[in-house]
N, C-alpha and C. Protein backbone atom coordinates (compact mmCIF):
# COMPACT_ATOMS: atom_id res chain seq x y z
N MET A 1 -2.64 8.33 24.37
CA MET A 1 -1.84 8.31 25.56
C MET A 1 -0.79 7.21 25.48
N ASN A 2 -1.13 5.98 25.11
CA ASN A 2 -0.11 4.96 25.07
C ASN A 2 0.82 5.06 23.79
N SER A 3 0.59 6.09 23.02
CA SER A 3 1.47 6.27 21.82
C SER A 3 2.88 6.65 22.35
N LEU A 4 2.94 7.19 23.53
CA LEU A 4 4.23 7.48 24.06
C LEU A 4 5.03 6.23 24.34
N LEU A 5 4.37 5.17 24.74
CA LEU A 5 5.00 3.92 25.12
C LEU A 5 5.28 3.07 23.90
N ARG A 6 4.67 3.39 22.75
CA ARG A 6 4.84 2.53 21.55
C ARG A 6 6.20 2.84 20.92
N PRO A 7 6.92 1.80 20.51
CA PRO A 7 8.20 2.00 19.84
C PRO A 7 8.04 2.72 18.50
N PRO A 8 9.09 3.42 18.13
CA PRO A 8 8.97 4.15 16.86
C PRO A 8 8.80 3.12 15.63
N VAL A 9 8.08 3.57 14.65
CA VAL A 9 7.80 2.65 13.50
C VAL A 9 9.09 2.49 12.71
N MET A 10 9.58 1.21 12.67
CA MET A 10 10.76 0.84 11.86
C MET A 10 10.22 0.13 10.64
N LEU A 11 10.74 0.57 9.48
CA LEU A 11 10.28 -0.10 8.18
C LEU A 11 11.41 -0.26 7.28
N TYR A 12 11.53 -1.44 6.78
CA TYR A 12 12.60 -1.65 5.73
C TYR A 12 11.99 -2.49 4.61
N THR A 13 12.63 -2.47 3.45
CA THR A 13 12.15 -3.16 2.34
C THR A 13 13.07 -4.31 1.96
N GLU A 14 12.48 -5.39 1.38
CA GLU A 14 13.21 -6.53 0.79
C GLU A 14 12.67 -6.80 -0.48
N SER A 15 13.56 -7.06 -1.49
CA SER A 15 13.06 -7.52 -2.79
C SER A 15 12.63 -8.95 -2.71
N SER A 16 11.85 -9.46 -3.63
CA SER A 16 11.37 -10.80 -3.61
C SER A 16 11.72 -11.46 -4.97
N PRO A 17 11.57 -12.83 -5.05
CA PRO A 17 11.87 -13.47 -6.37
C PRO A 17 11.03 -12.86 -7.49
N ASN A 18 9.84 -12.32 -7.19
CA ASN A 18 8.99 -11.65 -8.25
C ASN A 18 9.51 -10.28 -8.39
N PRO A 19 10.06 -9.83 -9.52
CA PRO A 19 10.65 -8.54 -9.67
C PRO A 19 9.66 -7.44 -9.47
N ASN A 20 8.32 -7.72 -9.74
CA ASN A 20 7.33 -6.63 -9.54
C ASN A 20 6.83 -6.51 -8.13
N SER A 21 7.28 -7.39 -7.23
CA SER A 21 6.78 -7.39 -5.88
C SER A 21 7.89 -6.91 -4.90
N MET A 22 7.47 -6.08 -4.01
CA MET A 22 8.42 -5.60 -2.95
C MET A 22 7.76 -5.77 -1.56
N LYS A 23 8.64 -6.24 -0.66
CA LYS A 23 8.12 -6.59 0.73
C LYS A 23 8.51 -5.38 1.61
N PHE A 24 7.47 -4.82 2.35
CA PHE A 24 7.72 -3.78 3.36
C PHE A 24 7.54 -4.42 4.70
N VAL A 25 8.63 -4.49 5.45
CA VAL A 25 8.62 -5.19 6.74
C VAL A 25 8.60 -4.16 7.92
N LEU A 26 7.75 -4.39 8.87
CA LEU A 26 7.60 -3.59 9.99
C LEU A 26 8.06 -4.25 11.29
N ASN A 27 8.25 -3.47 12.36
CA ASN A 27 8.82 -3.99 13.51
C ASN A 27 7.75 -4.41 14.54
N PHE A 28 6.51 -4.66 14.07
CA PHE A 28 5.43 -5.16 14.90
C PHE A 28 4.44 -5.97 14.09
N PRO A 29 3.69 -6.89 14.63
CA PRO A 29 2.80 -7.74 13.84
C PRO A 29 1.61 -6.91 13.34
N LEU A 30 1.14 -7.28 12.14
CA LEU A 30 0.00 -6.60 11.50
C LEU A 30 -1.27 -7.51 11.61
N VAL A 31 -1.02 -8.80 11.58
CA VAL A 31 -2.13 -9.77 11.64
C VAL A 31 -1.78 -10.88 12.63
N PRO A 32 -2.82 -11.55 13.27
CA PRO A 32 -2.49 -12.62 14.11
C PRO A 32 -1.81 -13.74 13.39
N GLU A 33 -1.08 -14.57 14.16
CA GLU A 33 -0.26 -15.72 13.62
C GLU A 33 -1.12 -16.62 12.67
N GLY A 34 -0.68 -16.89 11.53
CA GLY A 34 -1.34 -17.83 10.58
C GLY A 34 -2.36 -17.19 9.66
N LEU A 35 -2.70 -15.91 9.90
CA LEU A 35 -3.66 -15.24 8.98
C LEU A 35 -2.92 -14.47 7.94
N SER A 36 -3.53 -14.35 6.76
CA SER A 36 -2.97 -13.47 5.72
C SER A 36 -4.11 -12.97 4.84
N PHE A 37 -3.91 -11.85 4.21
CA PHE A 37 -4.97 -11.22 3.40
C PHE A 37 -4.42 -10.83 2.06
N ASP A 38 -5.03 -11.33 1.00
CA ASP A 38 -4.52 -11.06 -0.40
C ASP A 38 -5.59 -10.23 -1.14
N TYR A 39 -5.15 -9.10 -1.66
CA TYR A 39 -6.04 -8.27 -2.45
C TYR A 39 -5.54 -8.08 -3.85
N ALA A 40 -6.28 -8.85 -4.80
CA ALA A 40 -5.86 -8.83 -6.22
C ALA A 40 -6.38 -7.64 -6.93
N GLU A 41 -7.30 -6.95 -6.41
CA GLU A 41 -7.85 -5.68 -6.97
C GLU A 41 -8.43 -4.84 -5.91
N PRO A 42 -8.59 -3.56 -6.23
CA PRO A 42 -9.08 -2.60 -5.17
C PRO A 42 -10.39 -3.03 -4.56
N GLY A 43 -11.33 -3.60 -5.27
CA GLY A 43 -12.61 -4.01 -4.74
C GLY A 43 -12.59 -5.07 -3.61
N ASP A 44 -11.48 -5.86 -3.64
CA ASP A 44 -11.24 -6.86 -2.70
C ASP A 44 -11.08 -6.33 -1.27
N ALA A 45 -10.53 -5.11 -1.20
CA ALA A 45 -10.23 -4.50 0.08
C ALA A 45 -11.52 -3.97 0.76
N LEU A 46 -12.63 -4.03 0.01
CA LEU A 46 -13.94 -3.57 0.60
C LEU A 46 -14.82 -4.77 0.94
N LEU A 47 -14.37 -5.94 0.72
CA LEU A 47 -15.21 -7.18 0.90
C LEU A 47 -15.37 -7.43 2.43
N GLU A 48 -16.54 -7.98 2.71
CA GLU A 48 -16.85 -8.43 4.06
C GLU A 48 -15.79 -9.47 4.55
N GLY A 49 -15.18 -9.27 5.71
CA GLY A 49 -14.16 -10.27 6.16
C GLY A 49 -12.77 -9.98 5.72
N LYS A 50 -12.65 -9.01 4.75
CA LYS A 50 -11.29 -8.72 4.28
C LYS A 50 -11.07 -7.18 4.26
N ASN A 51 -12.06 -6.40 4.77
CA ASN A 51 -12.01 -4.95 4.66
C ASN A 51 -10.77 -4.33 5.26
N SER A 52 -9.99 -3.64 4.40
CA SER A 52 -8.75 -3.07 4.93
C SER A 52 -8.50 -1.68 4.39
N PRO A 53 -8.64 -0.68 5.28
CA PRO A 53 -8.40 0.68 4.92
C PRO A 53 -6.98 0.92 4.31
N LEU A 54 -6.02 0.08 4.89
CA LEU A 54 -4.63 0.19 4.37
C LEU A 54 -4.55 -0.25 2.92
N ALA A 55 -5.10 -1.40 2.64
CA ALA A 55 -5.11 -1.85 1.23
C ALA A 55 -5.80 -0.87 0.23
N VAL A 56 -6.90 -0.24 0.70
CA VAL A 56 -7.64 0.75 -0.12
C VAL A 56 -6.71 1.89 -0.42
N ALA A 57 -6.01 2.33 0.66
CA ALA A 57 -5.07 3.48 0.51
C ALA A 57 -3.99 3.14 -0.45
N LEU A 58 -3.36 1.94 -0.39
CA LEU A 58 -2.25 1.54 -1.23
C LEU A 58 -2.69 1.46 -2.72
N PHE A 59 -3.93 0.98 -2.94
CA PHE A 59 -4.45 0.93 -4.30
C PHE A 59 -4.68 2.35 -4.88
N GLY A 60 -4.57 3.36 -4.02
CA GLY A 60 -4.66 4.74 -4.49
C GLY A 60 -3.46 5.12 -5.42
N PHE A 61 -2.30 4.38 -5.21
CA PHE A 61 -1.21 4.61 -6.09
C PHE A 61 -1.50 3.91 -7.42
N GLU A 62 -1.44 4.60 -8.50
CA GLU A 62 -1.90 4.03 -9.82
C GLU A 62 -1.07 2.84 -10.29
N PHE A 63 0.15 2.72 -9.81
CA PHE A 63 1.03 1.65 -10.27
C PHE A 63 0.79 0.28 -9.47
N VAL A 64 0.04 0.40 -8.32
CA VAL A 64 -0.16 -0.77 -7.47
C VAL A 64 -1.16 -1.73 -8.15
N ARG A 65 -0.80 -2.99 -8.22
CA ARG A 65 -1.66 -4.01 -8.83
C ARG A 65 -2.16 -5.05 -7.85
N ARG A 66 -1.46 -5.24 -6.72
CA ARG A 66 -1.82 -6.25 -5.78
C ARG A 66 -1.20 -5.85 -4.38
N VAL A 67 -2.02 -6.11 -3.38
CA VAL A 67 -1.53 -5.86 -1.97
C VAL A 67 -1.79 -7.18 -1.16
N PHE A 68 -0.75 -7.48 -0.44
CA PHE A 68 -0.79 -8.75 0.43
C PHE A 68 -0.26 -8.35 1.87
N ILE A 69 -1.08 -8.69 2.86
CA ILE A 69 -0.74 -8.41 4.23
C ILE A 69 -0.67 -9.66 5.05
N SER A 70 0.47 -9.87 5.68
CA SER A 70 0.65 -11.06 6.50
C SER A 70 1.70 -10.78 7.58
N SER A 71 1.53 -11.51 8.70
CA SER A 71 2.54 -11.46 9.73
C SER A 71 2.93 -10.01 10.08
N ASN A 72 4.22 -9.59 9.78
CA ASN A 72 4.61 -8.23 10.09
C ASN A 72 5.08 -7.50 8.77
N PHE A 73 4.48 -7.94 7.67
CA PHE A 73 4.88 -7.26 6.40
C PHE A 73 3.66 -7.06 5.42
N ILE A 74 3.96 -6.19 4.44
CA ILE A 74 3.01 -5.92 3.35
C ILE A 74 3.79 -6.13 2.08
N THR A 75 3.27 -6.91 1.18
CA THR A 75 3.94 -7.11 -0.12
C THR A 75 3.06 -6.31 -1.14
N VAL A 76 3.72 -5.40 -1.84
CA VAL A 76 3.06 -4.58 -2.87
C VAL A 76 3.54 -5.07 -4.20
N THR A 77 2.66 -5.37 -5.14
CA THR A 77 3.06 -5.75 -6.52
C THR A 77 2.64 -4.66 -7.41
N LYS A 78 3.66 -4.18 -8.24
CA LYS A 78 3.39 -3.04 -9.12
C LYS A 78 3.11 -3.48 -10.52
N ASP A 79 2.78 -2.56 -11.41
CA ASP A 79 2.62 -2.94 -12.85
C ASP A 79 3.95 -3.03 -13.49
N ASP A 80 3.96 -3.67 -14.71
CA ASP A 80 5.26 -3.85 -15.41
C ASP A 80 5.96 -2.55 -15.89
N ALA A 81 5.14 -1.52 -16.12
CA ALA A 81 5.72 -0.27 -16.72
C ALA A 81 6.43 0.57 -15.70
N THR A 82 6.12 0.45 -14.40
CA THR A 82 6.78 1.26 -13.40
C THR A 82 8.10 0.67 -12.91
N ASP A 83 9.08 1.50 -12.66
CA ASP A 83 10.35 1.10 -12.14
C ASP A 83 10.36 1.32 -10.61
N TRP A 84 10.74 0.34 -9.83
CA TRP A 84 10.81 0.53 -8.37
C TRP A 84 11.62 1.74 -7.99
N ASN A 85 12.71 2.02 -8.77
CA ASN A 85 13.59 3.12 -8.35
C ASN A 85 12.84 4.46 -8.38
N ASP A 86 11.73 4.56 -9.22
CA ASP A 86 11.03 5.80 -9.35
C ASP A 86 9.98 5.95 -8.24
N VAL A 87 9.51 4.91 -7.58
CA VAL A 87 8.38 5.01 -6.67
C VAL A 87 8.62 4.47 -5.27
N LEU A 88 9.73 3.74 -5.09
CA LEU A 88 9.96 3.06 -3.82
C LEU A 88 10.06 3.97 -2.65
N PHE A 89 10.78 5.07 -2.82
CA PHE A 89 10.98 6.03 -1.71
C PHE A 89 9.64 6.68 -1.27
N GLU A 90 8.84 7.08 -2.22
CA GLU A 90 7.60 7.65 -1.95
C GLU A 90 6.62 6.68 -1.23
N LEU A 91 6.60 5.47 -1.70
CA LEU A 91 5.70 4.42 -1.14
C LEU A 91 6.10 4.03 0.26
N LYS A 92 7.38 3.94 0.47
CA LYS A 92 7.97 3.53 1.79
C LYS A 92 7.58 4.64 2.79
N LEU A 93 7.77 5.93 2.38
CA LEU A 93 7.50 7.04 3.16
C LEU A 93 5.96 7.05 3.60
N TYR A 94 5.16 6.80 2.56
CA TYR A 94 3.72 6.77 2.80
C TYR A 94 3.28 5.76 3.84
N ILE A 95 3.86 4.49 3.67
CA ILE A 95 3.50 3.38 4.64
C ILE A 95 4.00 3.73 6.04
N LYS A 96 5.15 4.32 6.09
CA LYS A 96 5.68 4.66 7.45
C LYS A 96 4.80 5.69 8.12
N GLN A 97 4.39 6.68 7.36
CA GLN A 97 3.57 7.76 7.95
C GLN A 97 2.15 7.21 8.33
N TYR A 98 1.70 6.26 7.52
CA TYR A 98 0.35 5.63 7.76
C TYR A 98 0.33 5.01 9.14
N PHE A 99 1.45 4.29 9.43
CA PHE A 99 1.57 3.65 10.78
C PHE A 99 1.89 4.65 11.90
N GLU A 100 2.68 5.67 11.57
CA GLU A 100 3.00 6.69 12.61
C GLU A 100 1.76 7.36 13.02
N GLU A 101 0.83 7.56 12.15
CA GLU A 101 -0.49 8.24 12.43
C GLU A 101 -1.46 7.19 13.04
N GLN A 102 -1.06 5.96 13.18
CA GLN A 102 -1.81 4.86 13.84
C GLN A 102 -3.16 4.65 13.10
N LYS A 103 -3.14 4.75 11.83
CA LYS A 103 -4.33 4.43 11.02
C LYS A 103 -4.59 2.94 11.04
N PRO A 104 -5.80 2.46 10.84
CA PRO A 104 -6.07 1.04 10.95
C PRO A 104 -5.64 0.17 9.70
N VAL A 105 -5.13 -1.00 9.98
CA VAL A 105 -4.79 -1.94 8.91
C VAL A 105 -6.14 -2.54 8.42
N PHE A 106 -6.97 -2.95 9.39
CA PHE A 106 -8.24 -3.58 9.06
C PHE A 106 -9.38 -2.90 9.79
N THR A 107 -10.61 -3.10 9.40
CA THR A 107 -11.73 -2.64 10.15
C THR A 107 -11.87 -3.63 11.33
N GLN A 108 -12.49 -3.22 12.40
CA GLN A 108 -12.71 -4.10 13.53
C GLN A 108 -13.53 -5.39 13.17
N ARG A 109 -14.40 -5.19 12.22
CA ARG A 109 -15.27 -6.29 11.74
C ARG A 109 -14.47 -7.42 11.08
N THR A 110 -13.42 -7.00 10.36
CA THR A 110 -12.56 -7.98 9.64
C THR A 110 -11.88 -8.85 10.71
N MET A 111 -11.36 -8.24 11.76
CA MET A 111 -10.66 -8.98 12.75
C MET A 111 -11.60 -9.93 13.53
N GLU A 112 -12.78 -9.51 13.77
CA GLU A 112 -13.75 -10.29 14.47
C GLU A 112 -14.18 -11.49 13.63
N THR A 113 -14.41 -11.25 12.34
CA THR A 113 -14.81 -12.37 11.41
C THR A 113 -13.78 -13.43 11.33
N ASN A 114 -12.49 -13.00 11.30
CA ASN A 114 -11.41 -13.98 11.11
C ASN A 114 -10.95 -14.66 12.39
N SER A 115 -11.35 -14.18 13.55
CA SER A 115 -10.91 -14.75 14.74
C SER A 115 -11.92 -15.91 15.15
N THR A 116 -12.99 -16.00 14.46
CA THR A 116 -14.05 -17.07 14.85
C THR A 116 -14.05 -18.31 14.01
N LYS A 117 -13.02 -18.43 13.12
CA LYS A 117 -13.05 -19.58 12.21
C LYS A 117 -12.70 -20.83 12.95
N VAL A 118 -13.40 -21.98 12.74
CA VAL A 118 -13.21 -23.17 13.44
C VAL A 118 -12.81 -24.24 12.40
N ASP A 119 -11.77 -25.00 12.67
CA ASP A 119 -11.39 -26.03 11.72
C ASP A 119 -11.76 -27.42 12.27
N ALA A 120 -12.26 -28.29 11.43
CA ALA A 120 -12.47 -29.66 11.79
C ALA A 120 -11.82 -30.54 10.70
N ASP A 121 -10.52 -30.69 10.82
CA ASP A 121 -9.77 -31.27 9.76
C ASP A 121 -9.57 -32.82 9.99
N SER A 122 -9.40 -33.58 8.86
CA SER A 122 -9.01 -34.96 9.00
C SER A 122 -7.59 -35.01 9.49
N GLU A 123 -7.15 -36.24 9.89
CA GLU A 123 -5.77 -36.39 10.39
C GLU A 123 -4.75 -36.08 9.28
N THR A 124 -5.01 -36.48 8.05
CA THR A 124 -4.15 -36.16 6.91
C THR A 124 -4.04 -34.64 6.70
N VAL A 125 -5.12 -33.99 6.70
CA VAL A 125 -5.15 -32.53 6.49
C VAL A 125 -4.36 -31.81 7.63
N GLN A 126 -4.52 -32.29 8.83
CA GLN A 126 -3.82 -31.67 9.95
C GLN A 126 -2.31 -31.84 9.72
N LYS A 127 -1.86 -33.05 9.23
CA LYS A 127 -0.41 -33.32 8.93
C LYS A 127 0.04 -32.35 7.81
N ILE A 128 -0.71 -32.19 6.77
CA ILE A 128 -0.39 -31.32 5.61
C ILE A 128 -0.16 -29.88 6.17
N LYS A 129 -1.17 -29.42 6.91
CA LYS A 129 -1.09 -28.05 7.40
C LYS A 129 0.12 -27.82 8.32
N ALA A 130 0.46 -28.89 9.11
CA ALA A 130 1.63 -28.79 9.97
C ALA A 130 2.91 -28.66 9.24
N VAL A 131 3.04 -29.47 8.12
CA VAL A 131 4.23 -29.34 7.26
C VAL A 131 4.30 -27.96 6.61
N LEU A 132 3.18 -27.52 6.12
CA LEU A 132 3.20 -26.22 5.48
C LEU A 132 3.57 -25.07 6.48
N ASP A 133 2.95 -25.19 7.68
CA ASP A 133 3.30 -24.14 8.70
C ASP A 133 4.72 -24.17 9.16
N GLN A 134 5.27 -25.38 9.39
CA GLN A 134 6.59 -25.48 9.96
C GLN A 134 7.75 -25.29 8.96
N TYR A 135 7.57 -25.87 7.81
CA TYR A 135 8.68 -25.96 6.88
C TYR A 135 8.54 -24.96 5.65
N VAL A 136 7.34 -24.77 5.19
CA VAL A 136 7.16 -23.98 3.95
C VAL A 136 6.87 -22.56 4.22
N ARG A 137 5.96 -22.29 5.13
CA ARG A 137 5.56 -20.90 5.37
C ARG A 137 6.67 -19.95 5.69
N PRO A 138 7.62 -20.28 6.59
CA PRO A 138 8.67 -19.38 6.91
C PRO A 138 9.49 -18.94 5.65
N ALA A 139 9.79 -19.89 4.82
CA ALA A 139 10.57 -19.58 3.58
C ALA A 139 9.78 -18.71 2.58
N VAL A 140 8.49 -19.04 2.42
CA VAL A 140 7.66 -18.27 1.54
C VAL A 140 7.44 -16.82 2.07
N GLU A 141 7.25 -16.76 3.40
CA GLU A 141 7.09 -15.40 3.96
C GLU A 141 8.35 -14.55 3.80
N SER A 142 9.54 -15.19 3.87
CA SER A 142 10.76 -14.47 3.79
C SER A 142 10.92 -13.87 2.38
N ASP A 143 10.17 -14.46 1.43
CA ASP A 143 10.18 -13.91 0.05
C ASP A 143 8.97 -12.99 -0.25
N GLY A 144 8.25 -12.67 0.83
CA GLY A 144 7.14 -11.68 0.71
C GLY A 144 5.84 -12.28 0.27
N GLY A 145 5.72 -13.56 0.44
CA GLY A 145 4.48 -14.18 -0.03
C GLY A 145 3.86 -15.02 1.12
N ALA A 146 2.93 -15.82 0.79
CA ALA A 146 2.34 -16.82 1.70
C ALA A 146 1.76 -17.99 1.02
N ILE A 147 1.69 -19.10 1.72
CA ILE A 147 1.10 -20.28 1.14
C ILE A 147 0.09 -20.72 2.15
N ASN A 148 -1.13 -21.02 1.64
CA ASN A 148 -2.20 -21.50 2.56
C ASN A 148 -2.79 -22.78 1.93
N PHE A 149 -3.15 -23.70 2.84
CA PHE A 149 -3.86 -24.90 2.47
C PHE A 149 -5.18 -24.59 1.88
N TYR A 150 -5.53 -25.24 0.74
CA TYR A 150 -6.91 -24.98 0.07
C TYR A 150 -7.72 -26.16 0.18
N SER A 151 -7.21 -27.31 -0.33
CA SER A 151 -8.02 -28.51 -0.24
C SER A 151 -7.15 -29.75 -0.39
N PHE A 152 -7.72 -30.90 -0.06
CA PHE A 152 -7.02 -32.21 -0.26
C PHE A 152 -8.06 -33.23 -0.69
N ASP A 153 -7.70 -33.86 -1.89
CA ASP A 153 -8.52 -34.88 -2.44
C ASP A 153 -7.98 -36.25 -2.03
N GLU A 154 -8.66 -36.93 -1.17
CA GLU A 154 -8.12 -38.26 -0.67
C GLU A 154 -8.01 -39.29 -1.75
N ASN A 155 -8.88 -39.25 -2.79
CA ASN A 155 -8.84 -40.22 -3.81
C ASN A 155 -7.63 -40.10 -4.74
N SER A 156 -7.33 -38.87 -5.13
CA SER A 156 -6.21 -38.68 -6.02
C SER A 156 -4.90 -38.35 -5.29
N GLY A 157 -5.01 -37.99 -4.00
CA GLY A 157 -3.87 -37.54 -3.24
C GLY A 157 -3.34 -36.23 -3.59
N THR A 158 -4.25 -35.35 -4.15
CA THR A 158 -3.85 -34.01 -4.67
C THR A 158 -4.08 -33.03 -3.54
N VAL A 159 -3.06 -32.27 -3.23
CA VAL A 159 -3.19 -31.16 -2.29
C VAL A 159 -3.24 -29.82 -3.17
N LYS A 160 -4.16 -28.98 -2.88
CA LYS A 160 -4.18 -27.65 -3.61
C LYS A 160 -3.87 -26.60 -2.51
N VAL A 161 -2.95 -25.69 -2.92
CA VAL A 161 -2.55 -24.60 -2.05
C VAL A 161 -2.81 -23.26 -2.72
N LEU A 162 -2.97 -22.22 -1.96
CA LEU A 162 -3.11 -20.96 -2.41
C LEU A 162 -1.76 -20.19 -2.30
N LEU A 163 -1.25 -19.69 -3.35
CA LEU A 163 -0.04 -18.89 -3.33
C LEU A 163 -0.40 -17.41 -3.37
N GLN A 164 0.10 -16.71 -2.37
CA GLN A 164 -0.34 -15.28 -2.34
C GLN A 164 0.85 -14.32 -2.21
N GLY A 165 0.55 -13.08 -2.28
CA GLY A 165 1.59 -12.05 -2.14
C GLY A 165 2.54 -12.11 -3.38
N SER A 166 3.88 -12.02 -3.12
CA SER A 166 4.73 -11.99 -4.29
C SER A 166 4.82 -13.37 -5.02
N CYS A 167 4.32 -14.43 -4.41
CA CYS A 167 4.29 -15.72 -5.09
C CYS A 167 3.29 -15.78 -6.20
N SER A 168 2.23 -14.92 -6.13
CA SER A 168 1.17 -14.95 -7.06
C SER A 168 1.68 -14.32 -8.38
N GLY A 169 1.80 -15.11 -9.40
CA GLY A 169 2.18 -14.67 -10.73
C GLY A 169 3.69 -14.58 -10.81
N CYS A 170 4.44 -15.09 -9.83
CA CYS A 170 5.90 -15.13 -9.86
C CYS A 170 6.35 -16.29 -10.79
N PRO A 171 7.26 -16.07 -11.73
CA PRO A 171 7.68 -17.10 -12.63
C PRO A 171 8.32 -18.29 -11.90
N SER A 172 9.01 -18.07 -10.79
CA SER A 172 9.68 -19.16 -10.17
C SER A 172 8.77 -19.92 -9.19
N SER A 173 7.56 -19.47 -8.97
CA SER A 173 6.70 -20.08 -7.97
C SER A 173 6.24 -21.55 -8.36
N THR A 174 6.07 -21.78 -9.68
CA THR A 174 5.77 -23.09 -10.14
C THR A 174 6.78 -24.07 -9.89
N LEU A 175 8.04 -23.70 -10.14
CA LEU A 175 9.17 -24.49 -9.88
C LEU A 175 9.36 -24.81 -8.42
N THR A 176 9.14 -23.82 -7.56
CA THR A 176 9.23 -24.00 -6.11
C THR A 176 8.17 -24.98 -5.66
N LEU A 177 6.99 -24.87 -6.24
CA LEU A 177 5.82 -25.69 -5.81
C LEU A 177 6.14 -27.12 -6.13
N LYS A 178 6.65 -27.42 -7.40
CA LYS A 178 6.89 -28.79 -7.77
C LYS A 178 8.13 -29.37 -7.11
N ALA A 179 9.26 -28.58 -7.27
CA ALA A 179 10.52 -29.18 -6.84
C ALA A 179 10.70 -29.19 -5.28
N GLY A 180 10.12 -28.11 -4.63
CA GLY A 180 10.30 -28.02 -3.21
C GLY A 180 9.14 -28.59 -2.40
N ILE A 181 8.00 -27.91 -2.59
CA ILE A 181 6.84 -28.21 -1.70
C ILE A 181 6.24 -29.56 -1.95
N GLU A 182 6.18 -29.98 -3.23
CA GLU A 182 5.60 -31.28 -3.57
C GLU A 182 6.49 -32.38 -3.02
N ASN A 183 7.86 -32.24 -3.26
CA ASN A 183 8.82 -33.21 -2.74
C ASN A 183 8.65 -33.39 -1.21
N LEU A 184 8.61 -32.29 -0.51
CA LEU A 184 8.57 -32.28 0.89
C LEU A 184 7.25 -32.92 1.45
N LEU A 185 6.12 -32.52 0.88
CA LEU A 185 4.88 -33.12 1.35
C LEU A 185 4.74 -34.58 1.03
N THR A 186 5.15 -35.05 -0.20
CA THR A 186 5.02 -36.44 -0.53
C THR A 186 5.92 -37.30 0.39
N ARG A 187 7.06 -36.71 0.79
CA ARG A 187 8.00 -37.44 1.68
C ARG A 187 7.43 -37.50 3.12
N LEU A 188 6.91 -36.43 3.62
CA LEU A 188 6.51 -36.36 5.02
C LEU A 188 5.05 -36.88 5.22
N VAL A 189 4.23 -36.74 4.18
CA VAL A 189 2.86 -37.21 4.31
C VAL A 189 2.57 -38.15 3.17
N PRO A 190 2.72 -39.47 3.38
CA PRO A 190 2.60 -40.47 2.31
C PRO A 190 1.28 -40.41 1.53
N GLU A 191 0.23 -39.96 2.15
CA GLU A 191 -1.03 -39.87 1.43
C GLU A 191 -1.06 -38.84 0.28
N VAL A 192 -0.14 -37.97 0.38
CA VAL A 192 0.01 -36.88 -0.71
C VAL A 192 0.76 -37.40 -1.92
N LYS A 193 0.15 -37.29 -3.08
CA LYS A 193 0.74 -37.74 -4.36
C LYS A 193 1.27 -36.52 -5.20
N GLN A 194 0.52 -35.41 -5.12
CA GLN A 194 0.91 -34.23 -5.91
C GLN A 194 0.34 -32.91 -5.26
N VAL A 195 0.99 -31.87 -5.63
CA VAL A 195 0.64 -30.59 -5.13
C VAL A 195 0.38 -29.61 -6.29
N GLU A 196 -0.76 -28.92 -6.19
CA GLU A 196 -1.15 -27.96 -7.29
C GLU A 196 -1.47 -26.66 -6.63
N ALA A 197 -1.20 -25.55 -7.36
CA ALA A 197 -1.62 -24.24 -6.92
C ALA A 197 -2.98 -23.92 -7.43
N GLU A 198 -3.80 -23.38 -6.51
CA GLU A 198 -5.21 -22.94 -6.87
C GLU A 198 -5.18 -21.56 -7.26
N GLY A 199 -5.78 -21.25 -8.36
CA GLY A 199 -5.94 -19.84 -8.84
C GLY A 199 -4.70 -19.04 -9.23
N VAL A 200 -3.61 -19.74 -9.64
CA VAL A 200 -2.44 -19.12 -10.13
C VAL A 200 -2.54 -18.95 -11.67
């Protein structure tokens, strides 16, 4: 009934610094603010707390190697052998129809699991997260990726972050991490001495 009130699905694509990743941007939010979901392989989309019918469907395309869902976009990473010119139209059409048919992005359980997380962070960790959220996340999201705080070692001053979406496996992400993010964090949060990527 309320589908009459819902605006039409608008979808556009943006290339990212990673030539194998393409960002599909929609005109409505897919996940609550600050949450993101990274699927490095089809099985990830079936895991408790990450279950996503949309990611499962996208892995049905044989060239898809990674799916990342955040904010109002989906970043799809393809294999090296496939040319975007050959598959982009078909994939874009598929995603648009998926949302026009109002199929679910996540199972209800996934959303419930992720809305009950509670953080009890130290003051330094709160500062680090604030810098990442205010200064780093918008730029990384505009490139079709995400950055999330992973850990902070008070003894060594090492911050570990998770790079997801198009940033995962992107040749320029290491440079961005060291030249941009590390400089920013060490300047704004004196306790931070270095920044490393976890699992890249």
